Amino acid sequence: MTEAEAAAGKLPVQRGTLLRAALLGGGLLAMVAAAAWLGGRKEATSPLERFQRLGPAGAAAALKAELVRDFPAGTPVTPLIQRLQGLGLNCTQRVGWDCVLAFRTEGQRSALLRATVAVAGERILHIETAAESRS
C-alpha cells in the first residue's frame, strides 16, 4: 500500500482526536441535560389555589389576615380592590365594596368566598371576609 492510498482512506486528524471530541460533546450534552432537569420548575400555582386548599373557613380567615396586614384601615381602597380582582373575585361597589368568588375546594365541593370592604370616601374603614360551603 502506498502512502497516497493510505492517506486517501484516512481522516486528516491525529489519533484519538475523534474520541476526545466525542467525550467532550457527551460531557456538554450531560451538563445541558442536568441543567434542564434541575432548573425545571413546577407550573406556577394560581394565587387563589392556596386559599382553595384551606377550605371555606380557612380561606376566609387567611384572606382576611392577608388583606388586613397589607391594607390597614385608612389606606386607599383601589389597591385592595385590584388585589381582590387579581385573585379572581368579582367586585361591585354599593355603599362599600362587595367582592365574591365561587370556587371548588380540593374535595370538589362548591364554596363561596366573600370580602366586604367598608369605605369612607376612597379610604378603607374595615374589611370582613366570609365563606360558605355549598352542596
Protein backbone atom coordinates (compact mmCIF):
# COMPACT_ATOMS: atom_id res chain seq x y z
CA MET A 1 0.00 0.00 0.00
CA THR A 2 1.41 3.35 -1.00
CA GLU A 3 1.43 6.49 1.09
CA ALA A 4 -1.13 8.11 -1.25
CA GLU A 5 -3.53 5.18 -0.82
CA ALA A 6 -3.14 5.25 2.95
CA ALA A 7 -3.72 9.00 3.10
CA ALA A 8 -6.80 8.77 0.86
CA GLY A 9 -8.59 6.34 3.20
CA LYS A 10 -7.89 8.15 6.47
CA LEU A 11 -9.24 11.31 8.01
CA PRO A 12 -6.77 14.19 8.31
CA VAL A 13 -6.76 14.15 12.15
CA GLN A 14 -4.43 12.80 14.77
CA ARG A 15 -5.13 9.55 16.57
CA GLY A 16 -7.56 9.93 19.47
CA THR A 17 -8.96 13.30 18.31
CA LEU A 18 -12.37 11.86 17.47
CA LEU A 19 -12.51 10.07 20.82
CA ARG A 20 -11.71 13.29 22.70
CA ALA A 21 -14.29 15.25 20.66
CA ALA A 22 -16.94 12.62 21.38
CA LEU A 23 -16.16 12.67 25.11
CA LEU A 24 -16.29 16.48 25.18
CA GLY A 25 -19.58 16.54 23.26
CA GLY A 26 -21.07 13.91 25.58
CA GLY A 27 -19.94 15.89 28.62
CA LEU A 28 -21.52 19.09 27.29
CA LEU A 29 -24.75 17.25 26.49
CA ALA A 30 -24.83 15.79 30.02
CA MET A 31 -24.33 19.24 31.56
CA VAL A 32 -27.14 20.74 29.47
CA ALA A 33 -29.45 17.86 30.38
CA ALA A 34 -28.62 18.21 34.09
CA ALA A 35 -29.23 21.97 33.99
CA ALA A 36 -32.59 21.47 32.26
CA TRP A 37 -33.64 18.78 34.74
CA LEU A 38 -32.55 20.71 37.84
CA GLY A 39 -33.74 24.06 36.55
CA GLY A 40 -37.18 22.79 35.55
CA ARG A 41 -39.92 24.37 37.63
CA LYS A 42 -43.34 23.16 38.51
CA GLU A 43 -46.14 25.02 36.84
CA ALA A 44 -46.85 28.20 38.76
CA THR A 45 -49.86 27.94 41.02
CA SER A 46 -52.61 30.49 40.86
CA PRO A 47 -52.80 32.97 43.74
CA LEU A 48 -56.22 31.58 44.65
CA GLU A 49 -55.05 27.96 44.84
CA ARG A 50 -53.57 28.38 48.31
CA PHE A 51 -56.95 29.58 49.59
CA GLN A 52 -58.77 26.70 47.87
CA ARG A 53 -56.64 24.15 49.73
CA LEU A 54 -57.66 25.64 53.09
CA GLY A 55 -61.37 25.01 52.62
CA PRO A 56 -64.05 27.67 53.09
CA ALA A 57 -63.45 28.63 56.76
CA GLY A 58 -59.68 28.59 56.44
CA ALA A 59 -59.82 30.54 53.18
CA ALA A 60 -61.89 33.32 54.73
CA ALA A 61 -59.60 33.62 57.77
CA ALA A 62 -56.40 33.54 55.69
CA LEU A 63 -57.76 36.05 53.19
CA LYS A 64 -58.78 38.47 55.96
CA ALA A 65 -55.41 38.17 57.71
CA GLU A 66 -53.57 38.87 54.45
CA LEU A 67 -55.78 41.81 53.50
CA VAL A 68 -55.69 43.46 56.93
CA ARG A 69 -51.90 43.07 57.01
CA ASP A 70 -51.37 44.53 53.53
CA PHE A 71 -54.18 47.12 53.56
CA PRO A 72 -54.69 48.58 57.05
CA ALA A 73 -57.58 50.93 57.82
CA GLY A 74 -57.07 54.39 56.37
CA THR A 75 -55.19 53.28 53.26
CA PRO A 76 -56.61 53.82 49.75
CA VAL A 77 -59.17 51.23 48.66
CA THR A 78 -58.13 50.97 44.99
CA PRO A 79 -55.05 48.72 45.50
CA LEU A 80 -57.14 46.42 47.73
CA ILE A 81 -59.85 46.06 45.08
CA GLN A 82 -57.18 45.41 42.45
CA ARG A 83 -55.69 42.64 44.62
CA LEU A 84 -59.11 41.03 45.13
CA GLN A 85 -59.86 41.18 41.41
CA GLY A 86 -56.42 39.73 40.71
CA LEU A 87 -57.39 36.75 42.89
CA GLY A 88 -60.47 36.29 40.74
CA LEU A 89 -63.12 37.87 42.95
CA ASN A 90 -65.87 39.84 41.21
CA CYS A 91 -66.17 43.23 42.95
CA THR A 92 -69.12 45.59 42.87
CA GLN A 93 -69.44 48.93 44.60
CA ARG A 94 -72.53 49.73 46.59
CA VAL A 95 -72.24 51.52 49.95
CA GLY A 96 -68.82 49.89 50.23
CA TRP A 97 -67.27 47.15 48.11
CA ASP A 98 -68.60 43.61 47.91
CA CYS A 99 -66.33 41.03 46.27
CA VAL A 100 -67.44 37.43 45.67
CA LEU A 101 -65.90 34.30 44.19
CA ALA A 102 -67.37 30.85 43.77
CA PHE A 103 -64.74 28.10 43.65
CA ARG A 104 -64.25 24.38 44.16
CA THR A 105 -62.41 23.06 47.19
CA GLU A 106 -59.97 20.15 46.95
CA GLY A 107 -62.86 17.87 47.90
CA GLN A 108 -64.69 19.21 44.83
CA ARG A 109 -67.33 20.94 46.94
CA SER A 110 -68.59 24.30 45.79
CA ALA A 111 -67.71 27.22 48.07
CA LEU A 112 -68.40 30.94 48.06
CA LEU A 113 -65.72 33.35 49.30
CA ARG A 114 -66.78 36.92 50.07
CA ALA A 115 -64.84 40.03 51.05
CA THR A 116 -66.73 43.12 52.16
CA VAL A 117 -64.88 46.41 52.43
CA ALA A 118 -66.37 49.38 54.29
CA VAL A 119 -65.05 52.68 52.97
CA ALA A 120 -65.18 56.37 53.76
CA GLY A 121 -64.54 58.25 50.54
CA GLU A 122 -61.64 56.36 48.99
CA ARG A 123 -60.18 55.06 52.28
CA ILE A 124 -60.63 51.66 53.92
CA LEU A 125 -62.58 51.62 57.17
CA HIS A 126 -62.95 47.88 57.76
CA ILE A 127 -62.50 44.55 55.95
CA GLU A 128 -64.65 41.48 56.58
CA THR A 129 -64.43 38.08 54.92
CA ALA A 130 -66.77 35.12 54.96
CA ALA A 131 -67.06 31.80 53.22
CA GLU A 132 -69.76 29.23 52.91
CA SER A 133 -69.75 25.72 51.58
CA ARG A 134 -72.43 24.71 49.12
CA SER A 135 -73.55 21.25 48.21
